Amino acid sequence: MKYIFEVRIREGHTAEEYADAWVRASEIIQQAPGARGTELHRKIDDPNVLIAIASWESKADRDAMEGQHNPEVARIIRSAAPFCEITPIGEFEDPEWVVMPPGKRGN
């Protein structure tokens, strides 16, 4: 499953500031059972808007991680709060179907 959210960088700050916090928190979170990686994408026409994607084996794995309070992760997330606004987009199951060009494989 994928947990997806939008990140809007506040004026006077940079996406790189958020990315630094994202990587530090992700390195810890990704040690949880079922974690499959994270991605951070910059919007093409607005460098201050990012989409963040966290991949998990299952919603249960992600919920279990959320249920285990990690003070270091909480501190990192709090440190990023002044320079961004985060809006959850939602939780999505892995695709039921994938259509790839001939000769290509998915990641």
N, C-alpha and C. Protein backbone atom coordinates (compact mmCIF):
# COMPACT_ATOMS: atom_id res chain seq x y z
N MET A 1 0.84 -1.17 0.00
CA MET A 1 0.00 0.00 0.00
C MET A 1 0.88 1.23 0.00
N LYS A 2 0.29 2.33 -0.42
CA LYS A 2 1.03 3.59 -0.45
C LYS A 2 0.27 4.63 0.38
N TYR A 3 1.03 5.36 1.18
CA TYR A 3 0.50 6.48 1.94
C TYR A 3 1.05 7.73 1.25
N ILE A 4 0.14 8.58 0.76
CA ILE A 4 0.56 9.71 -0.07
C ILE A 4 0.09 11.01 0.56
N PHE A 5 0.97 12.01 0.57
CA PHE A 5 0.59 13.32 1.06
C PHE A 5 1.30 14.41 0.28
N GLU A 6 0.70 15.60 0.33
CA GLU A 6 1.26 16.78 -0.34
C GLU A 6 1.97 17.64 0.69
N VAL A 7 3.11 18.18 0.31
CA VAL A 7 3.89 19.06 1.18
C VAL A 7 4.02 20.39 0.47
N ARG A 8 3.59 21.46 1.12
CA ARG A 8 3.76 22.81 0.57
C ARG A 8 4.79 23.54 1.43
N ILE A 9 5.84 23.99 0.79
CA ILE A 9 6.92 24.68 1.49
C ILE A 9 6.51 26.14 1.70
N ARG A 10 6.66 26.61 2.92
CA ARG A 10 6.30 28.00 3.24
C ARG A 10 7.35 28.97 2.71
N GLU A 11 6.89 30.17 2.43
CA GLU A 11 7.77 31.22 1.92
C GLU A 11 8.96 31.42 2.86
N GLY A 12 10.12 31.60 2.26
CA GLY A 12 11.34 31.79 3.04
C GLY A 12 12.06 30.49 3.36
N HIS A 13 11.50 29.37 2.95
CA HIS A 13 12.10 28.06 3.19
C HIS A 13 12.27 27.33 1.87
N THR A 14 12.95 26.20 1.90
CA THR A 14 13.23 25.46 0.68
C THR A 14 12.78 24.01 0.79
N ALA A 15 12.55 23.41 -0.37
CA ALA A 15 12.22 21.98 -0.39
C ALA A 15 13.37 21.15 0.18
N GLU A 16 14.59 21.63 0.00
CA GLU A 16 15.74 20.90 0.52
C GLU A 16 15.72 20.83 2.05
N GLU A 17 15.22 21.87 2.71
CA GLU A 17 15.09 21.83 4.17
C GLU A 17 14.15 20.71 4.58
N TYR A 18 13.00 20.62 3.89
CA TYR A 18 12.06 19.56 4.21
C TYR A 18 12.67 18.20 3.87
N ALA A 19 13.32 18.10 2.72
CA ALA A 19 13.90 16.82 2.29
C ALA A 19 14.89 16.31 3.33
N ASP A 20 15.65 17.20 3.94
CA ASP A 20 16.60 16.79 4.98
C ASP A 20 15.87 16.12 6.13
N ALA A 21 14.79 16.73 6.60
CA ALA A 21 14.01 16.13 7.69
C ALA A 21 13.35 14.84 7.23
N TRP A 22 12.82 14.82 6.00
CA TRP A 22 12.16 13.63 5.44
C TRP A 22 13.12 12.44 5.45
N VAL A 23 14.34 12.67 4.98
CA VAL A 23 15.30 11.57 4.91
C VAL A 23 15.66 11.08 6.31
N ARG A 24 15.90 11.99 7.24
CA ARG A 24 16.27 11.59 8.59
C ARG A 24 15.16 10.78 9.26
N ALA A 25 13.91 11.23 9.13
CA ALA A 25 12.79 10.49 9.71
C ALA A 25 12.59 9.15 8.99
N SER A 26 12.69 9.18 7.66
CA SER A 26 12.48 7.96 6.87
C SER A 26 13.50 6.88 7.19
N GLU A 27 14.75 7.27 7.44
CA GLU A 27 15.78 6.28 7.77
C GLU A 27 15.40 5.49 9.01
N ILE A 28 14.72 6.14 9.93
CA ILE A 28 14.27 5.46 11.16
C ILE A 28 13.00 4.65 10.87
N ILE A 29 12.02 5.29 10.25
CA ILE A 29 10.73 4.63 9.98
C ILE A 29 10.92 3.40 9.11
N GLN A 30 11.84 3.47 8.16
CA GLN A 30 12.02 2.37 7.22
C GLN A 30 12.63 1.11 7.85
N GLN A 31 12.97 1.18 9.11
CA GLN A 31 13.44 -0.01 9.82
C GLN A 31 12.27 -0.84 10.35
N ALA A 32 11.05 -0.29 10.26
CA ALA A 32 9.86 -1.00 10.76
C ALA A 32 9.51 -2.17 9.84
N PRO A 33 8.97 -3.24 10.40
CA PRO A 33 8.52 -4.36 9.56
C PRO A 33 7.50 -3.89 8.53
N GLY A 34 7.66 -4.35 7.30
CA GLY A 34 6.72 -4.02 6.24
C GLY A 34 7.03 -2.76 5.47
N ALA A 35 8.00 -1.97 5.93
CA ALA A 35 8.36 -0.74 5.22
C ALA A 35 9.03 -1.10 3.89
N ARG A 36 8.61 -0.41 2.81
CA ARG A 36 9.15 -0.71 1.48
C ARG A 36 9.79 0.50 0.82
N GLY A 37 9.98 1.59 1.53
CA GLY A 37 10.66 2.73 0.95
C GLY A 37 9.81 3.98 0.89
N THR A 38 10.48 5.08 0.63
CA THR A 38 9.81 6.38 0.53
C THR A 38 10.30 7.10 -0.71
N GLU A 39 9.47 8.01 -1.20
CA GLU A 39 9.82 8.83 -2.36
C GLU A 39 9.34 10.24 -2.10
N LEU A 40 10.08 11.21 -2.62
CA LEU A 40 9.71 12.61 -2.51
C LEU A 40 9.85 13.20 -3.91
N HIS A 41 8.75 13.74 -4.45
CA HIS A 41 8.73 14.27 -5.81
C HIS A 41 8.41 15.76 -5.78
N ARG A 42 9.14 16.54 -6.57
CA ARG A 42 8.87 17.97 -6.68
C ARG A 42 7.90 18.20 -7.84
N LYS A 43 6.92 19.07 -7.64
CA LYS A 43 5.95 19.39 -8.69
C LYS A 43 6.67 20.15 -9.81
N ILE A 44 6.39 19.81 -11.05
CA ILE A 44 7.10 20.37 -12.19
C ILE A 44 6.94 21.89 -12.27
N ASP A 45 5.75 22.40 -12.11
CA ASP A 45 5.55 23.85 -12.29
C ASP A 45 5.58 24.65 -10.99
N ASP A 46 5.89 24.00 -9.87
CA ASP A 46 5.97 24.71 -8.59
C ASP A 46 6.95 23.99 -7.68
N PRO A 47 8.20 24.48 -7.61
CA PRO A 47 9.22 23.78 -6.82
C PRO A 47 8.96 23.78 -5.31
N ASN A 48 7.94 24.52 -4.87
CA ASN A 48 7.61 24.55 -3.45
C ASN A 48 6.46 23.61 -3.09
N VAL A 49 6.08 22.76 -4.03
CA VAL A 49 5.06 21.75 -3.77
C VAL A 49 5.68 20.39 -4.05
N LEU A 50 5.56 19.51 -3.08
CA LEU A 50 6.11 18.16 -3.19
C LEU A 50 5.00 17.15 -2.97
N ILE A 51 5.19 15.98 -3.52
CA ILE A 51 4.32 14.86 -3.18
C ILE A 51 5.23 13.81 -2.52
N ALA A 52 4.79 13.33 -1.39
CA ALA A 52 5.56 12.35 -0.63
C ALA A 52 4.81 11.03 -0.64
N ILE A 53 5.55 9.95 -0.87
CA ILE A 53 4.95 8.62 -0.96
C ILE A 53 5.73 7.67 -0.06
N ALA A 54 5.02 7.03 0.84
CA ALA A 54 5.62 5.99 1.69
C ALA A 54 4.96 4.66 1.31
N SER A 55 5.77 3.67 0.97
CA SER A 55 5.26 2.37 0.55
C SER A 55 5.40 1.36 1.68
N TRP A 56 4.35 0.53 1.84
CA TRP A 56 4.29 -0.47 2.90
C TRP A 56 3.77 -1.78 2.35
N GLU A 57 4.15 -2.88 2.98
CA GLU A 57 3.62 -4.19 2.60
C GLU A 57 2.12 -4.22 2.81
N SER A 58 1.63 -3.59 3.89
CA SER A 58 0.20 -3.59 4.18
C SER A 58 -0.15 -2.40 5.06
N LYS A 59 -1.44 -2.08 5.10
CA LYS A 59 -1.92 -1.03 5.99
C LYS A 59 -1.67 -1.42 7.44
N ALA A 60 -1.82 -2.70 7.75
CA ALA A 60 -1.58 -3.18 9.12
C ALA A 60 -0.14 -2.89 9.55
N ASP A 61 0.83 -3.09 8.63
CA ASP A 61 2.23 -2.79 8.96
C ASP A 61 2.41 -1.30 9.24
N ARG A 62 1.81 -0.46 8.40
CA ARG A 62 1.95 0.98 8.61
C ARG A 62 1.28 1.39 9.92
N ASP A 63 0.08 0.87 10.17
CA ASP A 63 -0.62 1.20 11.41
C ASP A 63 0.18 0.74 12.63
N ALA A 64 0.83 -0.42 12.54
CA ALA A 64 1.65 -0.91 13.65
C ALA A 64 2.81 0.03 13.91
N MET A 65 3.45 0.53 12.84
CA MET A 65 4.54 1.48 13.01
C MET A 65 4.04 2.75 13.68
N GLU A 66 2.89 3.24 13.23
CA GLU A 66 2.30 4.46 13.81
C GLU A 66 1.99 4.26 15.29
N GLY A 67 1.63 3.05 15.68
CA GLY A 67 1.29 2.75 17.06
C GLY A 67 2.49 2.69 18.00
N GLN A 68 3.69 2.62 17.42
CA GLN A 68 4.92 2.58 18.22
C GLN A 68 5.54 3.98 18.22
N HIS A 69 5.29 4.75 19.26
CA HIS A 69 5.81 6.13 19.32
C HIS A 69 7.33 6.12 19.35
N ASN A 70 7.92 6.87 18.43
CA ASN A 70 9.37 7.01 18.39
C ASN A 70 9.69 8.48 18.65
N PRO A 71 10.26 8.81 19.81
CA PRO A 71 10.51 10.21 20.15
C PRO A 71 11.43 10.92 19.15
N GLU A 72 12.39 10.20 18.57
CA GLU A 72 13.30 10.83 17.61
C GLU A 72 12.56 11.21 16.33
N VAL A 73 11.69 10.32 15.84
CA VAL A 73 10.88 10.64 14.66
C VAL A 73 9.97 11.82 14.96
N ALA A 74 9.34 11.82 16.12
CA ALA A 74 8.46 12.94 16.51
C ALA A 74 9.24 14.24 16.55
N ARG A 75 10.46 14.22 17.08
CA ARG A 75 11.28 15.42 17.15
C ARG A 75 11.62 15.93 15.75
N ILE A 76 11.98 15.03 14.86
CA ILE A 76 12.32 15.42 13.49
C ILE A 76 11.11 16.04 12.79
N ILE A 77 9.95 15.41 12.95
CA ILE A 77 8.73 15.93 12.31
C ILE A 77 8.38 17.31 12.87
N ARG A 78 8.49 17.47 14.18
CA ARG A 78 8.24 18.79 14.78
C ARG A 78 9.21 19.84 14.25
N SER A 79 10.46 19.44 14.01
CA SER A 79 11.45 20.39 13.53
C SER A 79 11.13 20.89 12.13
N ALA A 80 10.39 20.10 11.34
CA ALA A 80 10.03 20.49 9.98
C ALA A 80 8.74 21.32 9.93
N ALA A 81 7.94 21.25 10.97
CA ALA A 81 6.62 21.91 10.97
C ALA A 81 6.66 23.40 10.64
N PRO A 82 7.64 24.17 11.12
CA PRO A 82 7.61 25.61 10.83
C PRO A 82 7.78 25.96 9.35
N PHE A 83 8.36 25.09 8.57
CA PHE A 83 8.60 25.48 7.18
C PHE A 83 7.78 24.73 6.14
N CYS A 84 6.74 24.03 6.57
CA CYS A 84 5.90 23.37 5.56
C CYS A 84 4.50 23.12 6.10
N GLU A 85 3.59 22.86 5.16
CA GLU A 85 2.23 22.46 5.47
C GLU A 85 2.00 21.12 4.80
N ILE A 86 1.56 20.13 5.57
CA ILE A 86 1.40 18.77 5.05
C ILE A 86 -0.08 18.42 5.01
N THR A 87 -0.53 17.96 3.84
CA THR A 87 -1.92 17.55 3.65
C THR A 87 -1.97 16.09 3.22
N PRO A 88 -2.52 15.22 4.04
CA PRO A 88 -2.66 13.82 3.60
C PRO A 88 -3.57 13.73 2.38
N ILE A 89 -3.15 12.96 1.39
CA ILE A 89 -3.98 12.71 0.21
C ILE A 89 -4.74 11.41 0.42
N GLY A 90 -4.07 10.42 0.98
CA GLY A 90 -4.78 9.19 1.28
C GLY A 90 -3.90 7.97 1.29
N GLU A 91 -4.54 6.84 1.59
CA GLU A 91 -3.90 5.53 1.62
C GLU A 91 -4.45 4.73 0.45
N PHE A 92 -3.55 4.13 -0.32
CA PHE A 92 -3.95 3.43 -1.53
C PHE A 92 -3.39 2.03 -1.55
N GLU A 93 -4.21 1.07 -1.97
CA GLU A 93 -3.76 -0.31 -2.14
C GLU A 93 -2.79 -0.37 -3.30
N ASP A 94 -1.96 -1.41 -3.33
CA ASP A 94 -1.12 -1.64 -4.50
C ASP A 94 -2.05 -1.83 -5.69
N PRO A 95 -1.57 -1.52 -6.90
CA PRO A 95 -2.46 -1.57 -8.06
C PRO A 95 -2.99 -2.97 -8.35
N GLU A 96 -4.23 -3.00 -8.79
CA GLU A 96 -4.83 -4.27 -9.20
C GLU A 96 -4.36 -4.65 -10.59
N TRP A 97 -3.93 -3.66 -11.36
CA TRP A 97 -3.40 -3.92 -12.69
C TRP A 97 -2.39 -2.84 -13.03
N VAL A 98 -1.43 -3.21 -13.85
CA VAL A 98 -0.39 -2.29 -14.32
C VAL A 98 -0.24 -2.54 -15.82
N VAL A 99 -0.26 -1.48 -16.59
CA VAL A 99 -0.06 -1.59 -18.04
C VAL A 99 1.28 -0.94 -18.35
N MET A 100 2.21 -1.73 -18.87
CA MET A 100 3.55 -1.25 -19.19
C MET A 100 3.77 -1.34 -20.70
N PRO A 101 4.59 -0.45 -21.25
CA PRO A 101 4.93 -0.57 -22.67
C PRO A 101 5.59 -1.92 -22.94
N PRO A 102 5.44 -2.46 -24.14
CA PRO A 102 6.08 -3.76 -24.45
C PRO A 102 7.57 -3.73 -24.15
N GLY A 103 8.06 -4.79 -23.52
CA GLY A 103 9.48 -4.90 -23.22
C GLY A 103 9.91 -4.19 -21.96
N LYS A 104 9.01 -3.54 -21.24
CA LYS A 104 9.36 -2.82 -20.01
C LYS A 104 8.82 -3.58 -18.81
N ARG A 105 9.52 -3.44 -17.69
CA ARG A 105 9.07 -4.04 -16.43
C ARG A 105 8.89 -2.94 -15.42
N GLY A 106 7.96 -3.14 -14.50
CA GLY A 106 7.75 -2.16 -13.43
C GLY A 106 8.89 -2.19 -12.44
N ASN A 107 8.98 -1.11 -11.66
CA ASN A 107 10.02 -1.01 -10.62
C ASN A 107 9.67 -1.81 -9.42
